[in-house]
Protein backbone atom coordinates (compact mmCIF):
# COMPACT_ATOMS: atom_id res chain seq x y z
CA UNK A 1 -0.55 22.12 -12.45
CA UNK A 2 -3.54 23.52 -14.30
CA UNK A 3 -5.54 26.34 -12.75
CA UNK A 4 -8.71 24.21 -12.49
CA UNK A 5 -6.99 21.38 -10.60
CA UNK A 6 -7.60 21.54 -6.85
CA UNK A 7 -5.23 18.84 -5.62
CA UNK A 8 -1.62 17.80 -6.04
CA UNK A 9 -0.40 16.57 -9.41
CA UNK A 10 0.90 13.33 -7.82
CA UNK A 11 0.42 11.55 -4.49
CA UNK A 12 3.42 9.74 -3.04
CA UNK A 13 2.67 7.59 0.01
CA UNK A 14 5.33 6.05 2.24
CA UNK A 15 3.68 2.99 3.81
CA UNK A 16 5.88 2.28 6.82
CA UNK A 17 3.49 1.02 9.49
CA UNK A 18 2.92 -2.70 9.66
CA UNK A 19 -0.52 -2.29 11.24
CA UNK A 20 -3.37 -3.62 9.14
CA UNK A 21 -5.69 -0.64 9.58
CA UNK A 22 -2.96 1.82 8.57
CA UNK A 23 -1.92 -0.15 5.49
CA UNK A 24 -5.61 -0.51 4.58
CA UNK A 25 -6.06 3.25 4.82
CA UNK A 26 -3.00 3.89 2.66
CA UNK A 27 -4.74 1.75 0.03
CA UNK A 28 -7.95 3.78 0.52
CA UNK A 29 -6.03 7.02 -0.10
CA UNK A 30 -4.29 5.57 -3.15
CA UNK A 31 -7.50 4.21 -4.67
CA UNK A 32 -9.34 7.50 -4.14
CA UNK A 33 -6.52 9.54 -5.64
CA UNK A 34 -6.06 7.34 -8.71
CA UNK A 35 -9.85 7.27 -9.25
CA UNK A 36 -9.67 11.10 -9.22
CA UNK A 37 -7.00 11.06 -11.95
CA UNK A 38 -4.12 11.78 -9.60
CA UNK A 39 -1.13 9.50 -10.22
CA UNK A 40 -0.06 7.59 -7.11
CA UNK A 41 3.03 5.80 -5.90
CA UNK A 42 2.83 3.54 -2.84
CA UNK A 43 6.28 3.00 -1.31
CA UNK A 44 6.13 0.01 1.05
CA UNK A 45 8.99 -0.19 3.50
CA UNK A 46 9.89 -1.94 6.73
CA UNK A 47 6.97 -3.71 8.43
CA UNK A 48 4.42 -2.59 5.83
CA UNK A 49 6.23 -4.75 3.27
CA UNK A 50 4.87 -7.82 5.05
CA UNK A 51 1.41 -6.95 3.70
CA UNK A 52 2.66 -7.76 0.20
CA UNK A 53 4.14 -11.17 0.94
CA UNK A 54 2.77 -14.23 -0.87
CA UNK A 55 -0.13 -16.03 0.81
CA UNK A 56 0.59 -18.95 3.12
CA UNK A 57 0.50 -22.49 1.71
CA UNK A 58 -3.18 -22.76 2.72
CA UNK A 59 -4.00 -19.56 0.79
CA UNK A 60 -4.26 -17.27 3.80
CA UNK A 61 -3.09 -13.79 2.80
CA UNK A 62 0.03 -12.58 4.59
CA UNK A 63 -1.72 -9.39 5.64
CA UNK A 64 -3.92 -11.51 7.95
CA UNK A 65 -0.89 -11.67 10.25
CA UNK A 66 -0.61 -7.88 10.56
CA UNK A 67 -1.57 -6.50 13.97
CA UNK A 68 -4.12 -3.73 14.50
CA UNK A 69 -2.90 -0.34 15.67
CA UNK A 70 -5.49 -0.27 18.46
CA UNK A 71 -8.04 -2.53 20.06
CA UNK A 72 -8.59 -6.24 20.05
CA UNK A 73 -9.20 -8.54 17.14
CA UNK A 74 -7.36 -9.50 14.03
CA UNK A 75 -6.78 -8.09 10.57
CA UNK A 76 -9.07 -10.76 9.10
CA UNK A 77 -11.86 -9.86 11.55
CA UNK A 78 -11.51 -6.16 10.84
CA UNK A 79 -11.52 -6.78 7.10
CA UNK A 80 -14.65 -8.96 7.38
CA UNK A 81 -16.30 -6.21 9.44
CA UNK A 82 -15.40 -3.69 6.73
CA UNK A 83 -17.06 -5.93 4.13
CA UNK A 84 -20.24 -6.21 6.26
CA UNK A 85 -20.37 -2.42 6.51
CA UNK A 86 -19.86 -1.84 2.80
CA UNK A 87 -16.26 -0.65 3.17
CA UNK A 88 -13.79 -1.89 0.56
CA UNK A 89 -11.73 -4.82 1.76
CA UNK A 90 -7.95 -5.07 1.63
CA UNK A 91 -8.03 -7.33 -1.44
CA UNK A 92 -10.58 -5.13 -3.22
CA UNK A 93 -8.47 -2.03 -2.62
CA UNK A 94 -5.22 -3.70 -3.62
CA UNK A 95 -6.82 -5.06 -6.80
CA UNK A 96 -8.32 -1.66 -7.64
CA UNK A 97 -4.99 0.06 -7.08
CA UNK A 98 -3.12 -2.31 -9.36
CA UNK A 99 -5.86 -2.29 -12.03
CA UNK A 100 -6.01 1.51 -12.08
CA UNK A 101 -2.25 1.94 -12.36
CA UNK A 102 -1.02 2.84 -8.90
CA UNK A 103 2.75 2.39 -8.92
CA UNK A 104 3.76 0.02 -6.12
CA UNK A 105 7.34 0.12 -4.93
CA UNK A 106 8.94 -1.96 -2.21
CA UNK A 107 12.03 -0.55 -0.55
CA UNK A 108 15.03 -2.78 -1.11
CA UNK A 109 16.60 -1.59 2.14
CA UNK A 110 13.39 -2.33 4.06
CA UNK A 111 13.29 -5.85 2.66
CA UNK A 112 16.93 -6.45 3.59
CA UNK A 113 16.50 -4.93 7.06
CA UNK A 114 13.75 -7.44 7.88
CA UNK A 115 15.37 -10.39 6.11
CA UNK A 116 12.64 -10.59 3.48
CA UNK A 117 13.31 -11.93 -0.01
CA UNK A 118 11.87 -9.97 -2.97
CA UNK A 119 10.90 -13.34 -4.49
CA UNK A 120 8.50 -13.82 -1.57
CA UNK A 121 6.30 -10.89 -2.69
CA UNK A 122 2.88 -11.47 -4.24
CA UNK A 123 3.09 -12.17 -7.97
CA UNK A 124 -0.28 -10.48 -8.62
CA UNK A 125 1.03 -7.06 -7.57
CA UNK A 126 3.46 -5.50 -10.04
CA UNK A 127 6.28 -4.14 -7.89
CA UNK A 128 8.78 -1.59 -9.10
CA UNK A 129 12.13 -2.31 -7.50
CA UNK A 130 13.97 0.58 -5.97
CA UNK A 131 14.89 2.42 -2.88
CA UNK A 132 14.46 5.80 -1.30
CA UNK A 133 16.32 7.59 -4.10
CA UNK A 134 14.05 6.00 -6.73
CA UNK A 135 10.95 6.91 -4.71
CA UNK A 136 12.06 10.52 -4.28
CA UNK A 137 12.89 10.82 -7.97
CA UNK A 138 9.36 9.58 -8.73
CA UNK A 139 7.76 12.23 -6.50
CA UNK A 140 6.66 15.60 -7.85
CA UNK A 141 7.56 19.06 -6.59
CA UNK A 142 3.88 19.92 -7.07
CA UNK A 143 2.68 16.71 -5.46
CA UNK A 144 1.84 15.60 -1.96
CA UNK A 145 3.76 13.13 0.15
CA UNK A 146 2.17 11.19 3.01
CA UNK A 147 3.79 8.99 5.63
CA UNK A 148 1.59 6.19 7.00
């Protein structure tokens, strides 16, 4: 790491929670880091992987079905409220992350544990296949690792 760099040289985020607001915030962290020239890997596993499933037949994003960690309402309502308040929406953040080069991984074990098929993931999000060993090999000794 160079002497003038204040933060980690890479951010590795384990996205485990299947709650909308937590997955949304993992995307916020990833977008901020990549916009600050810090490489990022998002490692979706277990219930968080549901956020990356293909939309329903009617076009409704799968993340609409994610619960909130606290309070009443739905993911769609919270996301709409974010938009009204000028906060980036789930789709805006996910698009920014993929456009800016955030590496998205989905844990093969997590998919299997929940009976999810890798072919059911969104085609617009490039997903690097792998597991925990691949994720750890991608991390940096001078980086930061977060668990959401």
